[in-house]
């Protein structure tokens, strides 16, 4: 009986078992997706490096997606960048990286979409923050889109 009394005391001293521990800011600061090797990618049909004409192929594919999905166009045009999603994103909370905010992650694609598929982006890109697709932008897509778990919070 004495052992069970000690266990109850130990359990009480630990506090509420449902209490969430405090987040450690920057705990995932150096977290990046693990890139698969070219040997693992090849059987899946993915090249180990950028293919010739990658820019035009990527823009053409984005055009197909935009034309084929009204929902995608609405999502890309409707975000007002209020940041209400930011405090719910566990990757942003863990890394503290501003590009891991859902709104910033979405903006990586939105900038290219606006540059190539909206009138304002084509003629006044500086006005809407439109950018061309570059290797740096592609590297950001690879890094930040693969850090998102699509939790839909």
Protein backbone atom coordinates (compact mmCIF):
# COMPACT_ATOMS: atom_id res chain seq x y z
CA UNK A 1 0.00 0.00 0.00
CA UNK A 2 2.82 2.38 0.72
CA UNK A 3 4.10 2.00 -2.85
CA UNK A 4 0.75 2.96 -4.35
CA UNK A 5 0.55 6.03 -2.13
CA UNK A 6 4.02 7.08 -3.32
CA UNK A 7 2.94 6.63 -6.97
CA UNK A 8 -0.04 8.92 -6.47
CA UNK A 9 2.18 11.56 -4.92
CA UNK A 10 4.63 11.29 -7.83
CA UNK A 11 1.81 11.57 -10.34
CA UNK A 12 0.48 14.71 -8.65
CA UNK A 13 3.91 16.35 -8.57
CA UNK A 14 4.24 16.05 -12.33
CA UNK A 15 1.30 18.34 -12.97
CA UNK A 16 -1.47 18.02 -15.49
CA UNK A 17 -0.67 15.25 -18.00
CA UNK A 18 -2.69 17.06 -20.66
CA UNK A 19 -0.80 20.32 -20.30
CA UNK A 20 1.09 21.26 -23.46
CA UNK A 21 4.82 21.92 -23.02
CA UNK A 22 6.09 25.34 -24.04
CA UNK A 23 7.55 25.64 -27.51
CA UNK A 24 11.26 26.21 -27.78
CA UNK A 25 11.68 29.07 -30.27
CA UNK A 26 13.85 28.10 -33.21
CA UNK A 27 13.87 24.39 -32.32
CA UNK A 28 13.66 23.53 -36.02
CA UNK A 29 15.64 26.53 -37.30
CA UNK A 30 17.99 24.41 -39.41
CA UNK A 31 15.32 22.00 -40.60
CA UNK A 32 15.22 21.42 -44.35
CA UNK A 33 13.69 18.61 -46.38
CA UNK A 34 15.92 15.62 -47.03
CA UNK A 35 16.63 15.48 -50.78
CA UNK A 36 16.32 12.08 -52.39
CA UNK A 37 19.36 10.88 -54.34
CA UNK A 38 19.32 10.77 -58.13
CA UNK A 39 19.39 6.96 -57.93
CA UNK A 40 16.11 7.01 -55.98
CA UNK A 41 14.52 9.60 -58.26
CA UNK A 42 15.36 7.98 -61.61
CA UNK A 43 13.01 4.95 -61.27
CA UNK A 44 10.18 7.39 -60.52
CA UNK A 45 10.87 9.31 -63.72
CA UNK A 46 12.29 12.38 -62.01
CA UNK A 47 15.54 13.76 -63.41
CA UNK A 48 18.43 14.36 -61.04
CA UNK A 49 18.96 17.85 -62.44
CA UNK A 50 17.06 20.53 -64.29
CA UNK A 51 16.05 19.46 -67.77
CA UNK A 52 16.66 21.56 -70.86
CA UNK A 53 13.94 24.20 -71.20
CA UNK A 54 12.81 23.68 -67.59
CA UNK A 55 11.55 27.27 -67.27
CA UNK A 56 9.17 27.10 -70.22
CA UNK A 57 7.99 23.61 -69.24
CA UNK A 58 7.26 24.73 -65.67
CA UNK A 59 5.35 27.82 -66.79
CA UNK A 60 3.38 25.75 -69.32
CA UNK A 61 2.46 23.22 -66.63
CA UNK A 62 1.43 25.97 -64.23
CA UNK A 63 -0.73 27.37 -67.04
CA UNK A 64 -2.41 23.98 -67.46
CA UNK A 65 -3.11 23.79 -63.73
CA UNK A 66 -4.49 27.32 -63.62
CA UNK A 67 -6.69 26.77 -66.68
CA UNK A 68 -7.92 23.43 -65.40
CA UNK A 69 -8.79 24.50 -61.88
CA UNK A 70 -10.99 27.44 -61.10
CA UNK A 71 -10.41 26.71 -57.40
CA UNK A 72 -6.66 27.20 -57.81
CA UNK A 73 -7.20 30.59 -59.44
CA UNK A 74 -9.56 31.60 -56.63
CA UNK A 75 -7.06 30.50 -53.95
CA UNK A 76 -4.24 32.40 -55.65
CA UNK A 77 -6.33 35.56 -56.06
CA UNK A 78 -8.29 35.60 -52.79
CA UNK A 79 -5.65 35.60 -50.04
CA UNK A 80 -5.52 39.06 -48.43
CA UNK A 81 -2.35 38.24 -46.46
CA UNK A 82 -3.95 38.84 -43.08
CA UNK A 83 -1.66 36.31 -41.37
CA UNK A 84 -4.46 34.58 -39.45
CA UNK A 85 -3.00 31.24 -40.53
CA UNK A 86 0.46 31.97 -39.14
CA UNK A 87 -0.09 31.05 -35.49
CA UNK A 88 -1.52 27.67 -36.50
CA UNK A 89 1.41 26.50 -38.64
CA UNK A 90 3.63 24.18 -36.63
CA UNK A 91 6.47 24.50 -39.17
CA UNK A 92 6.52 28.27 -38.83
CA UNK A 93 6.29 28.03 -35.04
CA UNK A 94 9.13 25.52 -34.98
CA UNK A 95 11.49 27.21 -37.41
CA UNK A 96 10.66 30.88 -36.99
CA UNK A 97 11.46 31.22 -40.70
CA UNK A 98 9.19 33.87 -42.29
CA UNK A 99 9.03 31.88 -45.54
CA UNK A 100 7.45 29.02 -43.59
CA UNK A 101 4.35 31.09 -42.84
CA UNK A 102 1.48 29.68 -44.91
CA UNK A 103 0.86 33.06 -46.51
CA UNK A 104 4.53 33.39 -47.50
CA UNK A 105 4.69 29.82 -48.76
CA UNK A 106 1.62 30.50 -50.90
CA UNK A 107 3.20 33.74 -52.08
CA UNK A 108 6.13 31.81 -53.56
CA UNK A 109 3.72 30.39 -56.15
CA UNK A 110 1.46 33.45 -56.32
CA UNK A 111 4.32 35.73 -57.45
CA UNK A 112 5.09 33.51 -60.44
CA UNK A 113 1.37 33.05 -61.20
CA UNK A 114 0.83 36.80 -61.24
CA UNK A 115 3.89 37.41 -63.42
CA UNK A 116 2.74 35.05 -66.16
CA UNK A 117 -1.04 34.78 -65.87
CA UNK A 118 -2.43 38.18 -64.84
CA UNK A 119 -2.56 41.40 -66.82
CA UNK A 120 -1.11 43.46 -63.98
CA UNK A 121 1.72 41.02 -63.44
CA UNK A 122 2.66 41.04 -67.12
CA UNK A 123 2.67 44.82 -67.55
CA UNK A 124 3.20 46.21 -64.03
CA UNK A 125 4.94 43.40 -62.11
CA UNK A 126 6.40 45.76 -59.49
CA UNK A 127 2.86 46.83 -58.53
CA UNK A 128 1.69 43.34 -57.51
CA UNK A 129 5.01 41.82 -56.43
CA UNK A 130 5.17 39.52 -59.44
CA UNK A 131 8.43 37.66 -60.08
CA UNK A 132 9.77 35.53 -62.85
CA UNK A 133 10.58 31.87 -62.22
CA UNK A 134 14.29 31.56 -61.53
CA UNK A 135 16.46 28.76 -60.17
CA UNK A 136 16.43 30.52 -56.77
CA UNK A 137 12.63 30.61 -56.75
CA UNK A 138 12.56 26.95 -57.79
CA UNK A 139 14.94 26.09 -54.92
CA UNK A 140 12.61 27.93 -52.49
CA UNK A 141 9.64 25.98 -53.88
CA UNK A 142 11.50 22.73 -53.31
CA UNK A 143 12.51 23.65 -49.79
CA UNK A 144 9.40 25.33 -48.44
CA UNK A 145 6.68 23.31 -50.18
CA UNK A 146 8.27 20.10 -48.91
CA UNK A 147 8.35 21.44 -45.35
CA UNK A 148 4.55 21.76 -45.36
CA UNK A 149 2.61 18.75 -44.10
CA UNK A 150 -0.70 19.93 -45.64
CA UNK A 151 -2.38 19.81 -42.22
CA UNK A 152 -5.05 22.30 -43.42
CA UNK A 153 -5.12 24.10 -40.07
